[in-house]
């Protein structure tokens, strides 16, 4: 992730076992993992340091979480609200391309893993 986003994000610490968000919750922020590991329940996948999560729900028409995410270990996470993202986008339109590439990369990975049926994306 580009380091230029971090100064716009808020640091939050979470303990192992904490639920970060649940499937169906309103998606109103993205999260960057500075340290620790998150588990995506239901697909047995982990998100580690240097990765972003929450962008698919944030940019979906329904704005809801697609998975439950739990802290597998103690974590230091940086968060940014959708309002902050919109403001930052107007200051730096490259942000839109950053998120578009990230979402396409995630969707293609899910297709390869079999979590999404080919042709439905």
PDB file of N, CA and C in Angstrom:
ATOM      1  N   UNK A   1       0.846  -1.187   0.000  1.00  0.00           N
ATOM      2  CA  UNK A   1       0.000   0.000   0.000  1.00  0.00           C
ATOM      3  C   UNK A   1       0.878   1.232   0.000  1.00  0.00           C
ATOM      4  N   UNK A   2       0.425   2.238  -0.679  1.00  0.00           N
ATOM      5  CA  UNK A   2       1.183   3.476  -0.738  1.00  0.00           C
ATOM      6  C   UNK A   2       1.240   4.122   0.639  1.00  0.00           C
ATOM      7  N   UNK A   3       2.432   4.541   1.023  1.00  0.00           N
ATOM      8  CA  UNK A   3       2.623   5.153   2.326  1.00  0.00           C
ATOM      9  C   UNK A   3       1.884   6.484   2.456  1.00  0.00           C
ATOM     10  N   UNK A   4       1.508   7.076   1.336  1.00  0.00           N
ATOM     11  CA  UNK A   4       0.829   8.375   1.394  1.00  0.00           C
ATOM     12  C   UNK A   4      -0.565   8.269   1.996  1.00  0.00           C
ATOM     13  N   UNK A   5      -1.119   7.080   2.111  1.00  0.00           N
ATOM     14  CA  UNK A   5      -2.434   6.934   2.741  1.00  0.00           C
ATOM     15  C   UNK A   5      -2.353   6.920   4.268  1.00  0.00           C
ATOM     16  N   UNK A   6      -1.280   6.383   4.821  1.00  0.00           N
ATOM     17  CA  UNK A   6      -1.181   6.206   6.276  1.00  0.00           C
ATOM     18  C   UNK A   6      -1.382   7.484   7.088  1.00  0.00           C
ATOM     19  N   UNK A   7      -0.830   8.639   6.686  1.00  0.00           N
ATOM     20  CA  UNK A   7      -1.062   9.843   7.494  1.00  0.00           C
ATOM     21  C   UNK A   7      -2.534  10.250   7.584  1.00  0.00           C
ATOM     22  N   UNK A   8      -3.363   9.723   6.698  1.00  0.00           N
ATOM     23  CA  UNK A   8      -4.790  10.046   6.680  1.00  0.00           C
ATOM     24  C   UNK A   8      -5.618   9.021   7.454  1.00  0.00           C
ATOM     25  N   UNK A   9      -4.943   8.012   8.021  1.00  0.00           N
ATOM     26  CA  UNK A   9      -5.633   6.919   8.699  1.00  0.00           C
ATOM     27  C   UNK A   9      -5.427   7.019  10.214  1.00  0.00           C
ATOM     28  N   UNK A  10      -6.324   6.378  10.957  1.00  0.00           N
ATOM     29  CA  UNK A  10      -6.318   6.410  12.423  1.00  0.00           C
ATOM     30  C   UNK A  10      -5.900   5.038  12.957  1.00  0.00           C
ATOM     31  N   UNK A  11      -4.898   5.003  13.857  1.00  0.00           N
ATOM     32  CA  UNK A  11      -4.411   3.752  14.433  1.00  0.00           C
ATOM     33  C   UNK A  11      -5.354   3.234  15.517  1.00  0.00           C
ATOM     34  N   UNK A  12      -5.684   1.946  15.438  1.00  0.00           N
ATOM     35  CA  UNK A  12      -6.507   1.268  16.450  1.00  0.00           C
ATOM     36  C   UNK A  12      -5.828  -0.059  16.781  1.00  0.00           C
ATOM     37  N   UNK A  13      -5.835  -0.416  18.062  1.00  0.00           N
ATOM     38  CA  UNK A  13      -5.260  -1.691  18.486  1.00  0.00           C
ATOM     39  C   UNK A  13      -6.386  -2.644  18.866  1.00  0.00           C
ATOM     40  N   UNK A  14      -6.230  -3.906  18.453  1.00  0.00           N
ATOM     41  CA  UNK A  14      -7.245  -4.925  18.719  1.00  0.00           C
ATOM     42  C   UNK A  14      -6.571  -6.165  19.276  1.00  0.00           C
ATOM     43  N   UNK A  15      -7.279  -6.871  20.122  1.00  0.00           N
ATOM     44  CA  UNK A  15      -6.781  -8.106  20.729  1.00  0.00           C
ATOM     45  C   UNK A  15      -7.191  -9.321  19.893  1.00  0.00           C
ATOM     46  N   UNK A  16      -6.402 -10.376  19.995  1.00  0.00           N
ATOM     47  CA  UNK A  16      -6.727 -11.639  19.330  1.00  0.00           C
ATOM     48  C   UNK A  16      -8.135 -12.074  19.737  1.00  0.00           C
ATOM     49  N   UNK A  17      -8.909 -12.528  18.766  1.00  0.00           N
ATOM     50  CA  UNK A  17     -10.273 -12.987  19.025  1.00  0.00           C
ATOM     51  C   UNK A  17     -11.343 -11.928  18.819  1.00  0.00           C
ATOM     52  N   UNK A  18     -10.952 -10.654  18.763  1.00  0.00           N
ATOM     53  CA  UNK A  18     -11.940  -9.593  18.533  1.00  0.00           C
ATOM     54  C   UNK A  18     -12.486  -9.679  17.113  1.00  0.00           C
ATOM     55  N   UNK A  19     -13.781  -9.458  16.985  1.00  0.00           N
ATOM     56  CA  UNK A  19     -14.413  -9.402  15.667  1.00  0.00           C
ATOM     57  C   UNK A  19     -14.248  -7.974  15.150  1.00  0.00           C
ATOM     58  N   UNK A  20     -13.609  -7.848  14.006  1.00  0.00           N
ATOM     59  CA  UNK A  20     -13.405  -6.531  13.402  1.00  0.00           C
ATOM     60  C   UNK A  20     -14.708  -6.052  12.766  1.00  0.00           C
ATOM     61  N   UNK A  21     -15.335  -6.923  11.980  1.00  0.00           N
ATOM     62  CA  UNK A  21     -16.688  -6.681  11.472  1.00  0.00           C
ATOM     63  C   UNK A  21     -17.313  -8.000  11.066  1.00  0.00           C
ATOM     64  N   UNK A  22     -18.650  -7.989  11.006  1.00  0.00           N
ATOM     65  CA  UNK A  22     -19.409  -9.199  10.681  1.00  0.00           C
ATOM     66  C   UNK A  22     -20.052  -9.083   9.302  1.00  0.00           C
ATOM     67  N   UNK A  23     -20.206 -10.224   8.668  1.00  0.00           N
ATOM     68  CA  UNK A  23     -20.895 -10.284   7.386  1.00  0.00           C
ATOM     69  C   UNK A  23     -22.261  -9.619   7.547  1.00  0.00           C
ATOM     70  N   UNK A  24     -22.590  -8.687   6.640  1.00  0.00           N
ATOM     71  CA  UNK A  24     -23.866  -7.990   6.691  1.00  0.00           C
ATOM     72  C   UNK A  24     -23.805  -6.646   7.393  1.00  0.00           C
ATOM     73  N   UNK A  25     -22.721  -6.374   8.167  1.00  0.00           N
ATOM     74  CA  UNK A  25     -22.563  -5.053   8.793  1.00  0.00           C
ATOM     75  C   UNK A  25     -22.441  -3.977   7.727  1.00  0.00           C
ATOM     76  N   UNK A  26     -22.771  -2.761   8.092  1.00  0.00           N
ATOM     77  CA  UNK A  26     -22.579  -1.620   7.190  1.00  0.00           C
ATOM     78  C   UNK A  26     -21.086  -1.426   6.971  1.00  0.00           C
ATOM     79  N   UNK A  27     -20.681  -1.271   5.726  1.00  0.00           N
ATOM     80  CA  UNK A  27     -19.275  -1.043   5.376  1.00  0.00           C
ATOM     81  C   UNK A  27     -19.035   0.458   5.299  1.00  0.00           C
ATOM     82  N   UNK A  28     -18.301   0.983   6.276  1.00  0.00           N
ATOM     83  CA  UNK A  28     -18.081   2.428   6.314  1.00  0.00           C
ATOM     84  C   UNK A  28     -16.614   2.813   6.480  1.00  0.00           C
ATOM     85  N   UNK A  29     -15.704   1.811   6.373  1.00  0.00           N
ATOM     86  CA  UNK A  29     -14.280   2.109   6.501  1.00  0.00           C
ATOM     87  C   UNK A  29     -13.447   1.011   5.850  1.00  0.00           C
ATOM     88  N   UNK A  30     -12.204   1.361   5.559  1.00  0.00           N
ATOM     89  CA  UNK A  30     -11.217   0.377   5.131  1.00  0.00           C
ATOM     90  C   UNK A  30     -10.198   0.256   6.256  1.00  0.00           C
ATOM     91  N   UNK A  31      -9.474  -0.855   6.252  1.00  0.00           N
ATOM     92  CA  UNK A  31      -8.522  -1.136   7.317  1.00  0.00           C
ATOM     93  C   UNK A  31      -7.206  -1.587   6.691  1.00  0.00           C
ATOM     94  N   UNK A  32      -6.103  -1.012   7.183  1.00  0.00           N
ATOM     95  CA  UNK A  32      -4.754  -1.402   6.788  1.00  0.00           C
ATOM     96  C   UNK A  32      -4.118  -2.137   7.961  1.00  0.00           C
ATOM     97  N   UNK A  33      -3.548  -3.300   7.711  1.00  0.00           N
ATOM     98  CA  UNK A  33      -2.921  -4.095   8.768  1.00  0.00           C
ATOM     99  C   UNK A  33      -1.456  -3.676   8.892  1.00  0.00           C
ATOM    100  N   UNK A  34      -1.128  -3.013  10.011  1.00  0.00           N
ATOM    101  CA  UNK A  34       0.256  -2.625  10.282  1.00  0.00           C
ATOM    102  C   UNK A  34       1.014  -3.791  10.915  1.00  0.00           C
ATOM    103  N   UNK A  35       0.347  -4.493  11.857  1.00  0.00           N
ATOM    104  CA  UNK A  35       0.944  -5.687  12.460  1.00  0.00           C
ATOM    105  C   UNK A  35      -0.177  -6.617  12.899  1.00  0.00           C
ATOM    106  N   UNK A  36       0.139  -7.907  12.926  1.00  0.00           N
ATOM    107  CA  UNK A  36      -0.846  -8.899  13.306  1.00  0.00           C
ATOM    108  C   UNK A  36      -1.423  -9.616  12.100  1.00  0.00           C
ATOM    109  N   UNK A  37      -2.471 -10.400  12.364  1.00  0.00           N
ATOM    110  CA  UNK A  37      -3.072 -11.211  11.302  1.00  0.00           C
ATOM    111  C   UNK A  37      -4.575 -11.269  11.506  1.00  0.00           C
ATOM    112  N   UNK A  38      -5.312 -11.053  10.428  1.00  0.00           N
ATOM    113  CA  UNK A  38      -6.775 -11.135  10.427  1.00  0.00           C
ATOM    114  C   UNK A  38      -7.208 -12.406   9.717  1.00  0.00           C
ATOM    115  N   UNK A  39      -8.285 -13.024  10.208  1.00  0.00           N
ATOM    116  CA  UNK A  39      -8.827 -14.227   9.565  1.00  0.00           C
ATOM    117  C   UNK A  39     -10.165 -13.890   8.927  1.00  0.00           C
ATOM    118  N   UNK A  40     -10.303 -14.267   7.655  1.00  0.00           N
ATOM    119  CA  UNK A  40     -11.569 -14.113   6.945  1.00  0.00           C
ATOM    120  C   UNK A  40     -12.347 -15.401   7.163  1.00  0.00           C
ATOM    121  N   UNK A  41     -13.371 -15.341   7.987  1.00  0.00           N
ATOM    122  CA  UNK A  41     -14.116 -16.549   8.323  1.00  0.00           C
ATOM    123  C   UNK A  41     -14.923 -17.037   7.133  1.00  0.00           C
ATOM    124  N   UNK A  42     -15.004 -18.337   7.039  1.00  0.00           N
ATOM    125  CA  UNK A  42     -15.788 -18.957   5.978  1.00  0.00           C
ATOM    126  C   UNK A  42     -14.963 -19.328   4.765  1.00  0.00           C
ATOM    127  N   UNK A  43     -13.837 -18.656   4.545  1.00  0.00           N
ATOM    128  CA  UNK A  43     -12.988 -19.013   3.401  1.00  0.00           C
ATOM    129  C   UNK A  43     -11.590 -19.397   3.846  1.00  0.00           C
ATOM    130  N   UNK A  44     -11.336 -19.363   5.171  1.00  0.00           N
ATOM    131  CA  UNK A  44     -10.062 -19.780   5.735  1.00  0.00           C
ATOM    132  C   UNK A  44      -8.880 -19.086   5.047  1.00  0.00           C
ATOM    133  N   UNK A  45      -8.962 -17.760   4.967  1.00  0.00           N
ATOM    134  CA  UNK A  45      -7.897 -16.944   4.375  1.00  0.00           C
ATOM    135  C   UNK A  45      -7.461 -15.912   5.407  1.00  0.00           C
ATOM    136  N   UNK A  46      -6.198 -15.535   5.353  1.00  0.00           N
ATOM    137  CA  UNK A  46      -5.652 -14.582   6.313  1.00  0.00           C
ATOM    138  C   UNK A  46      -5.141 -13.332   5.611  1.00  0.00           C
ATOM    139  N   UNK A  47      -5.249 -12.199   6.296  1.00  0.00           N
ATOM    140  CA  UNK A  47      -4.732 -10.914   5.833  1.00  0.00           C
ATOM    141  C   UNK A  47      -3.644 -10.512   6.826  1.00  0.00           C
ATOM    142  N   UNK A  48      -2.463 -10.163   6.304  1.00  0.00           N
ATOM    143  CA  UNK A  48      -1.347  -9.838   7.176  1.00  0.00           C
ATOM    144  C   UNK A  48      -0.828  -8.426   6.982  1.00  0.00           C
ATOM    145  N   UNK A  49       0.285  -8.131   7.626  1.00  0.00           N
ATOM    146  CA  UNK A  49       0.867  -6.787   7.563  1.00  0.00           C
ATOM    147  C   UNK A  49       1.089  -6.311   6.125  1.00  0.00           C
ATOM    148  N   UNK A  50       0.754  -5.035   5.913  1.00  0.00           N
ATOM    149  CA  UNK A  50       0.919  -4.429   4.591  1.00  0.00           C
ATOM    150  C   UNK A  50      -0.284  -4.581   3.686  1.00  0.00           C
ATOM    151  N   UNK A  51      -1.338  -5.248   4.164  1.00  0.00           N
ATOM    152  CA  UNK A  51      -2.527  -5.465   3.326  1.00  0.00           C
ATOM    153  C   UNK A  51      -3.694  -4.621   3.803  1.00  0.00           C
ATOM    154  N   UNK A  52      -4.554  -4.284   2.848  1.00  0.00           N
ATOM    155  CA  UNK A  52      -5.798  -3.545   3.106  1.00  0.00           C
ATOM    156  C   UNK A  52      -6.959  -4.525   3.084  1.00  0.00           C
ATOM    157  N   UNK A  53      -8.012  -4.204   3.834  1.00  0.00           N
ATOM    158  CA  UNK A  53      -9.234  -5.007   3.810  1.00  0.00           C
ATOM    159  C   UNK A  53     -10.429  -4.068   3.994  1.00  0.00           C
ATOM    160  N   UNK A  54     -11.541  -4.456   3.409  1.00  0.00           N
ATOM    161  CA  UNK A  54     -12.769  -3.694   3.592  1.00  0.00           C
ATOM    162  C   UNK A  54     -13.189  -2.886   2.389  1.00  0.00           C
ATOM    163  N   UNK A  55     -12.367  -2.883   1.348  1.00  0.00           N
ATOM    164  CA  UNK A  55     -12.660  -2.042   0.194  1.00  0.00           C
ATOM    165  C   UNK A  55     -13.820  -2.573  -0.643  1.00  0.00           C
ATOM    166  N   UNK A  56     -14.006  -3.868  -0.707  1.00  0.00           N
ATOM    167  CA  UNK A  56     -15.081  -4.413  -1.542  1.00  0.00           C
ATOM    168  C   UNK A  56     -16.440  -4.016  -0.977  1.00  0.00           C
ATOM    169  N   UNK A  57     -16.637  -4.195   0.311  1.00  0.00           N
ATOM    170  CA  UNK A  57     -17.895  -3.780   0.936  1.00  0.00           C
ATOM    171  C   UNK A  57     -18.110  -2.281   0.855  1.00  0.00           C
ATOM    172  N   UNK A  58     -17.038  -1.528   1.025  1.00  0.00           N
ATOM    173  CA  UNK A  58     -17.123  -0.072   1.015  1.00  0.00           C
ATOM    174  C   UNK A  58     -17.593   0.464  -0.336  1.00  0.00           C
ATOM    175  N   UNK A  59     -17.144  -0.168  -1.411  1.00  0.00           N
ATOM    176  CA  UNK A  59     -17.486   0.320  -2.746  1.00  0.00           C
ATOM    177  C   UNK A  59     -18.634  -0.447  -3.398  1.00  0.00           C
ATOM    178  N   UNK A  60     -19.207  -1.417  -2.701  1.00  0.00           N
ATOM    179  CA  UNK A  60     -20.337  -2.149  -3.268  1.00  0.00           C
ATOM    180  C   UNK A  60     -21.601  -1.290  -3.189  1.00  0.00           C
ATOM    181  N   UNK A  61     -22.561  -1.513  -4.084  1.00  0.00           N
ATOM    182  CA  UNK A  61     -23.793  -0.712  -4.059  1.00  0.00           C
ATOM    183  C   UNK A  61     -24.553  -0.818  -2.736  1.00  0.00           C
ATOM    184  N   UNK A  62     -24.529  -1.993  -2.092  1.00  0.00           N
ATOM    185  CA  UNK A  62     -25.262  -2.188  -0.848  1.00  0.00           C
ATOM    186  C   UNK A  62     -24.507  -1.659   0.363  1.00  0.00           C
ATOM    187  N   UNK A  63     -23.186  -1.455   0.214  1.00  0.00           N
ATOM    188  CA  UNK A  63     -22.305  -0.992   1.298  1.00  0.00           C
ATOM    189  C   UNK A  63     -22.419  -1.871   2.542  1.00  0.00           C
ATOM    190  N   UNK A  64     -22.330  -3.194   2.326  1.00  0.00           N
ATOM    191  CA  UNK A  64     -22.347  -4.138   3.448  1.00  0.00           C
ATOM    192  C   UNK A  64     -21.117  -5.043   3.375  1.00  0.00           C
ATOM    193  N   UNK A  65     -20.716  -5.550   4.533  1.00  0.00           N
ATOM    194  CA  UNK A  65     -19.578  -6.459   4.618  1.00  0.00           C
ATOM    195  C   UNK A  65     -19.951  -7.798   4.003  1.00  0.00           C
ATOM    196  N   UNK A  66     -19.005  -8.362   3.247  1.00  0.00           N
ATOM    197  CA  UNK A  66     -19.254  -9.631   2.568  1.00  0.00           C
ATOM    198  C   UNK A  66     -18.763 -10.827   3.377  1.00  0.00           C
ATOM    199  N   UNK A  67     -17.933 -10.578   4.411  1.00  0.00           N
ATOM    200  CA  UNK A  67     -17.399 -11.646   5.254  1.00  0.00           C
ATOM    201  C   UNK A  67     -17.263 -11.152   6.690  1.00  0.00           C
ATOM    202  N   UNK A  68     -17.180 -12.096   7.612  1.00  0.00           N
ATOM    203  CA  UNK A  68     -16.822 -11.771   8.986  1.00  0.00           C
ATOM    204  C   UNK A  68     -15.306 -11.844   9.102  1.00  0.00           C
ATOM    205  N   UNK A  69     -14.716 -10.841   9.741  1.00  0.00           N
ATOM    206  CA  UNK A  69     -13.266 -10.771   9.901  1.00  0.00           C
ATOM    207  C   UNK A  69     -12.938 -10.710  11.390  1.00  0.00           C
ATOM    208  N   UNK A  70     -12.057 -11.610  11.823  1.00  0.00           N
ATOM    209  CA  UNK A  70     -11.669 -11.725  13.224  1.00  0.00           C
ATOM    210  C   UNK A  70     -10.159 -11.537  13.344  1.00  0.00           C
ATOM    211  N   UNK A  71      -9.730 -10.894  14.425  1.00  0.00           N
ATOM    212  CA  UNK A  71      -8.295 -10.751  14.696  1.00  0.00           C
ATOM    213  C   UNK A  71      -7.763 -12.120  15.128  1.00  0.00           C
ATOM    214  N   UNK A  72      -6.906 -12.698  14.323  1.00  0.00           N
ATOM    215  CA  UNK A  72      -6.311 -13.988  14.644  1.00  0.00           C
ATOM    216  C   UNK A  72      -5.231 -13.819  15.709  1.00  0.00           C
ATOM    217  N   UNK A  73      -4.564 -12.659  15.708  1.00  0.00           N
ATOM    218  CA  UNK A  73      -3.548 -12.301  16.694  1.00  0.00           C
ATOM    219  C   UNK A  73      -3.853 -10.882  17.180  1.00  0.00           C
ATOM    220  N   UNK A  74      -3.112 -10.393  18.160  1.00  0.00           N
ATOM    221  CA  UNK A  74      -3.195  -8.978  18.494  1.00  0.00           C
ATOM    222  C   UNK A  74      -2.798  -8.196  17.251  1.00  0.00           C
ATOM    223  N   UNK A  75      -3.483  -7.084  16.988  1.00  0.00           N
ATOM    224  CA  UNK A  75      -3.268  -6.338  15.747  1.00  0.00           C
ATOM    225  C   UNK A  75      -3.159  -4.838  15.992  1.00  0.00           C
ATOM    226  N   UNK A  76      -2.348  -4.201  15.171  1.00  0.00           N
ATOM    227  CA  UNK A  76      -2.347  -2.749  15.044  1.00  0.00           C
ATOM    228  C   UNK A  76      -2.880  -2.458  13.654  1.00  0.00           C
ATOM    229  N   UNK A  77      -4.019  -1.779  13.613  1.00  0.00           N
ATOM    230  CA  UNK A  77      -4.722  -1.534  12.358  1.00  0.00           C
ATOM    231  C   UNK A  77      -4.926  -0.040  12.166  1.00  0.00           C
ATOM    232  N   UNK A  78      -4.751   0.412  10.940  1.00  0.00           N
ATOM    233  CA  UNK A  78      -5.053   1.794  10.589  1.00  0.00           C
ATOM    234  C   UNK A  78      -6.383   1.795   9.846  1.00  0.00           C
ATOM    235  N   UNK A  79      -7.261   2.733  10.212  1.00  0.00           N
ATOM    236  CA  UNK A  79      -8.585   2.793   9.595  1.00  0.00           C
ATOM    237  C   UNK A  79      -8.819   4.136   8.926  1.00  0.00           C
ATOM    238  N   UNK A  80      -9.616   4.093   7.853  1.00  0.00           N
ATOM    239  CA  UNK A  80     -10.015   5.306   7.145  1.00  0.00           C
ATOM    240  C   UNK A  80     -11.491   5.172   6.789  1.00  0.00           C
ATOM    241  N   UNK A  81     -12.279   6.194   7.108  1.00  0.00           N
ATOM    242  CA  UNK A  81     -13.712   6.153   6.817  1.00  0.00           C
ATOM    243  C   UNK A  81     -13.968   6.436   5.341  1.00  0.00           C
ATOM    244  N   UNK A  82     -15.169   6.089   4.907  1.00  0.00           N
ATOM    245  CA  UNK A  82     -15.535   6.369   3.521  1.00  0.00           C
ATOM    246  C   UNK A  82     -15.532   7.873   3.244  1.00  0.00           C
ATOM    247  N   UNK A  83     -15.911   8.692   4.220  1.00  0.00           N
ATOM    248  CA  UNK A  83     -15.865  10.151   4.039  1.00  0.00           C
ATOM    249  C   UNK A  83     -14.441  10.624   3.791  1.00  0.00           C
ATOM    250  N   UNK A  84     -13.491  10.100   4.562  1.00  0.00           N
ATOM    251  CA  UNK A  84     -12.091  10.471   4.374  1.00  0.00           C
ATOM    252  C   UNK A  84     -11.606  10.060   2.992  1.00  0.00           C
ATOM    253  N   UNK A  85     -12.014   8.880   2.547  1.00  0.00           N
ATOM    254  CA  UNK A  85     -11.604   8.400   1.219  1.00  0.00           C
ATOM    255  C   UNK A  85     -12.137   9.326   0.138  1.00  0.00           C
ATOM    256  N   UNK A  86     -13.413   9.724   0.243  1.00  0.00           N
ATOM    257  CA  UNK A  86     -13.989  10.621  -0.765  1.00  0.00           C
ATOM    258  C   UNK A  86     -13.261  11.961  -0.800  1.00  0.00           C
ATOM    259  N   UNK A  87     -12.956  12.521   0.372  1.00  0.00           N
ATOM    260  CA  UNK A  87     -12.216  13.791   0.413  1.00  0.00           C
ATOM    261  C   UNK A  87     -10.832  13.634  -0.200  1.00  0.00           C
ATOM    262  N   UNK A  88     -10.164  12.555   0.135  1.00  0.00           N
ATOM    263  CA  UNK A  88      -8.817  12.322  -0.382  1.00  0.00           C
ATOM    264  C   UNK A  88      -8.832  12.085  -1.889  1.00  0.00           C
ATOM    265  N   UNK A  89      -9.876  11.434  -2.376  1.00  0.00           N
ATOM    266  CA  UNK A  89      -9.990  11.185  -3.812  1.00  0.00           C
ATOM    267  C   UNK A  89      -9.994  12.497  -4.596  1.00  0.00           C
ATOM    268  N   UNK A  90     -10.693  13.510  -4.092  1.00  0.00           N
ATOM    269  CA  UNK A  90     -10.744  14.787  -4.793  1.00  0.00           C
ATOM    270  C   UNK A  90      -9.400  15.496  -4.767  1.00  0.00           C
ATOM    271  N   UNK A  91      -8.580  15.215  -3.756  1.00  0.00           N
ATOM    272  CA  UNK A  91      -7.244  15.789  -3.686  1.00  0.00           C
ATOM    273  C   UNK A  91      -6.263  15.019  -4.574  1.00  0.00           C
ATOM    274  N   UNK A  92      -6.514  13.701  -4.741  1.00  0.00           N
ATOM    275  CA  UNK A  92      -5.607  12.849  -5.504  1.00  0.00           C
ATOM    276  C   UNK A  92      -6.412  11.794  -6.262  1.00  0.00           C
ATOM    277  N   UNK A  93      -6.827  12.108  -7.497  1.00  0.00           N
ATOM    278  CA  UNK A  93      -7.645  11.164  -8.276  1.00  0.00           C
ATOM    279  C   UNK A  93      -6.987   9.804  -8.516  1.00  0.00           C
ATOM    280  N   UNK A  94      -5.678   9.680  -8.340  1.00  0.00           N
ATOM    281  CA  UNK A  94      -5.009   8.385  -8.496  1.00  0.00           C
ATOM    282  C   UNK A  94      -5.525   7.366  -7.485  1.00  0.00           C
ATOM    283  N   UNK A  95      -6.125   7.852  -6.416  1.00  0.00           N
ATOM    284  CA  UNK A  95      -6.669   6.963  -5.394  1.00  0.00           C
ATOM    285  C   UNK A  95      -7.730   6.038  -5.996  1.00  0.00           C
ATOM    286  N   UNK A  96      -8.535   6.545  -6.923  1.00  0.00           N
ATOM    287  CA  UNK A  96      -9.558   5.728  -7.574  1.00  0.00           C
ATOM    288  C   UNK A  96      -8.949   4.549  -8.319  1.00  0.00           C
ATOM    289  N   UNK A  97      -7.848   4.785  -9.039  1.00  0.00           N
ATOM    290  CA  UNK A  97      -7.176   3.703  -9.759  1.00  0.00           C
ATOM    291  C   UNK A  97      -6.546   2.708  -8.794  1.00  0.00           C
ATOM    292  N   UNK A  98      -6.023   3.201  -7.668  1.00  0.00           N
ATOM    293  CA  UNK A  98      -5.447   2.330  -6.652  1.00  0.00           C
ATOM    294  C   UNK A  98      -6.499   1.337  -6.162  1.00  0.00           C
ATOM    295  N   UNK A  99      -7.685   1.837  -5.807  1.00  0.00           N
ATOM    296  CA  UNK A  99      -8.737   0.955  -5.302  1.00  0.00           C
ATOM    297  C   UNK A  99      -9.299   0.058  -6.394  1.00  0.00           C
ATOM    298  N   UNK A 100      -9.396   0.558  -7.612  1.00  0.00           N
ATOM    299  CA  UNK A 100      -9.893  -0.269  -8.710  1.00  0.00           C
ATOM    300  C   UNK A 100      -8.955  -1.463  -8.928  1.00  0.00           C
ATOM    301  N   UNK A 101      -7.655  -1.228  -8.955  1.00  0.00           N
ATOM    302  CA  UNK A 101      -6.690  -2.325  -9.126  1.00  0.00           C
ATOM    303  C   UNK A 101      -6.764  -3.308  -7.956  1.00  0.00           C
ATOM    304  N   UNK A 102      -6.880  -2.780  -6.749  1.00  0.00           N
ATOM    305  CA  UNK A 102      -6.946  -3.630  -5.561  1.00  0.00           C
ATOM    306  C   UNK A 102      -8.177  -4.534  -5.600  1.00  0.00           C
ATOM    307  N   UNK A 103      -9.317  -3.977  -5.947  1.00  0.00           N
ATOM    308  CA  UNK A 103     -10.563  -4.760  -5.985  1.00  0.00           C
ATOM    309  C   UNK A 103     -10.511  -5.817  -7.075  1.00  0.00           C
ATOM    310  N   UNK A 104     -10.018  -5.457  -8.255  1.00  0.00           N
ATOM    311  CA  UNK A 104      -9.913  -6.435  -9.345  1.00  0.00           C
ATOM    312  C   UNK A 104      -8.951  -7.558  -8.961  1.00  0.00           C
ATOM    313  N   UNK A 105      -7.837  -7.206  -8.329  1.00  0.00           N
ATOM    314  CA  UNK A 105      -6.877  -8.217  -7.875  1.00  0.00           C
ATOM    315  C   UNK A 105      -7.540  -9.189  -6.901  1.00  0.00           C
ATOM    316  N   UNK A 106      -8.313  -8.666  -5.952  1.00  0.00           N
ATOM    317  CA  UNK A 106      -8.996  -9.524  -4.964  1.00  0.00           C
ATOM    318  C   UNK A 106     -10.032 -10.417  -5.643  1.00  0.00           C
ATOM    319  N   UNK A 107     -10.785  -9.849  -6.561  1.00  0.00           N
ATOM    320  CA  UNK A 107     -11.815 -10.647  -7.229  1.00  0.00           C
ATOM    321  C   UNK A 107     -11.194 -11.758  -8.066  1.00  0.00           C
ATOM    322  N   UNK A 108     -10.099 -11.458  -8.765  1.00  0.00           N
ATOM    323  CA  UNK A 108      -9.429 -12.489  -9.563  1.00  0.00           C
ATOM    324  C   UNK A 108      -8.861 -13.586  -8.663  1.00  0.00           C
ATOM    325  N   UNK A 109      -8.322 -13.206  -7.512  1.00  0.00           N
ATOM    326  CA  UNK A 109      -7.807 -14.197  -6.564  1.00  0.00           C
ATOM    327  C   UNK A 109      -8.941 -15.087  -6.065  1.00  0.00           C
ATOM    328  N   UNK A 110     -10.105 -14.488  -5.799  1.00  0.00           N
ATOM    329  CA  UNK A 110     -11.253 -15.267  -5.337  1.00  0.00           C
ATOM    330  C   UNK A 110     -11.743 -16.227  -6.415  1.00  0.00           C
ATOM    331  N   UNK A 111     -11.719 -15.796  -7.675  1.00  0.00           N
ATOM    332  CA  UNK A 111     -12.122 -16.680  -8.778  1.00  0.00           C
ATOM    333  C   UNK A 111     -11.175 -17.868  -8.844  1.00  0.00           C
ATOM    334  N   UNK A 112      -9.865 -17.598  -8.751  1.00  0.00           N
ATOM    335  CA  UNK A 112      -8.875 -18.693  -8.801  1.00  0.00           C
ATOM    336  C   UNK A 112      -9.047 -19.649  -7.631  1.00  0.00           C
ATOM    337  N   UNK A 113      -9.392 -19.140  -6.476  1.00  0.00           N
ATOM    338  CA  UNK A 113      -9.570 -19.955  -5.283  1.00  0.00           C
ATOM    339  C   UNK A 113     -10.893 -20.712  -5.318  1.00  0.00           C
ATOM    340  N   UNK A 114     -11.806 -20.315  -6.225  1.00  0.00           N
ATOM    341  CA  UNK A 114     -13.097 -20.970  -6.324  1.00  0.00           C
ATOM    342  C   UNK A 114     -14.159 -20.366  -5.441  1.00  0.00           C
ATOM    343  N   UNK A 115     -13.849 -19.223  -4.816  1.00  0.00           N
ATOM    344  CA  UNK A 115     -14.820 -18.583  -3.934  1.00  0.00           C
ATOM    345  C   UNK A 115     -15.904 -17.850  -4.736  1.00  0.00           C
ATOM    346  N   UNK A 116     -15.600 -17.543  -5.996  1.00  0.00           N
ATOM    347  CA  UNK A 116     -16.552 -16.868  -6.889  1.00  0.00           C
ATOM    348  C   UNK A 116     -16.605 -17.671  -8.173  1.00  0.00           C
ATOM    349  N   UNK A 117     -17.792 -17.889  -8.676  1.00  0.00           N
ATOM    350  CA  UNK A 117     -17.964 -18.599  -9.929  1.00  0.00           C
ATOM    351  C   UNK A 117     -17.467 -17.747 -11.091  1.00  0.00           C
ATOM    352  N   UNK A 118     -16.620 -18.300 -11.988  1.00  0.00           N
ATOM    353  CA  UNK A 118     -16.181 -17.536 -13.151  1.00  0.00           C
ATOM    354  C   UNK A 118     -17.387 -17.056 -13.956  1.00  0.00           C
ATOM    355  N   UNK A 119     -17.304 -15.836 -14.451  1.00  0.00           N
ATOM    356  CA  UNK A 119     -18.384 -15.263 -15.256  1.00  0.00           C
ATOM    357  C   UNK A 119     -19.435 -14.530 -14.454  1.00  0.00           C
ATOM    358  N   UNK A 120     -19.370 -14.587 -13.128  1.00  0.00           N
ATOM    359  CA  UNK A 120     -20.377 -13.887 -12.322  1.00  0.00           C
ATOM    360  C   UNK A 120     -19.885 -12.522 -11.857  1.00  0.00           C
ATOM    361  N   UNK A 121     -18.648 -12.202 -12.135  1.00  0.00           N
ATOM    362  CA  UNK A 121     -18.093 -10.930 -11.691  1.00  0.00           C
ATOM    363  C   UNK A 121     -18.224  -9.897 -12.781  1.00  0.00           C
TER     364      UNK A 121
END
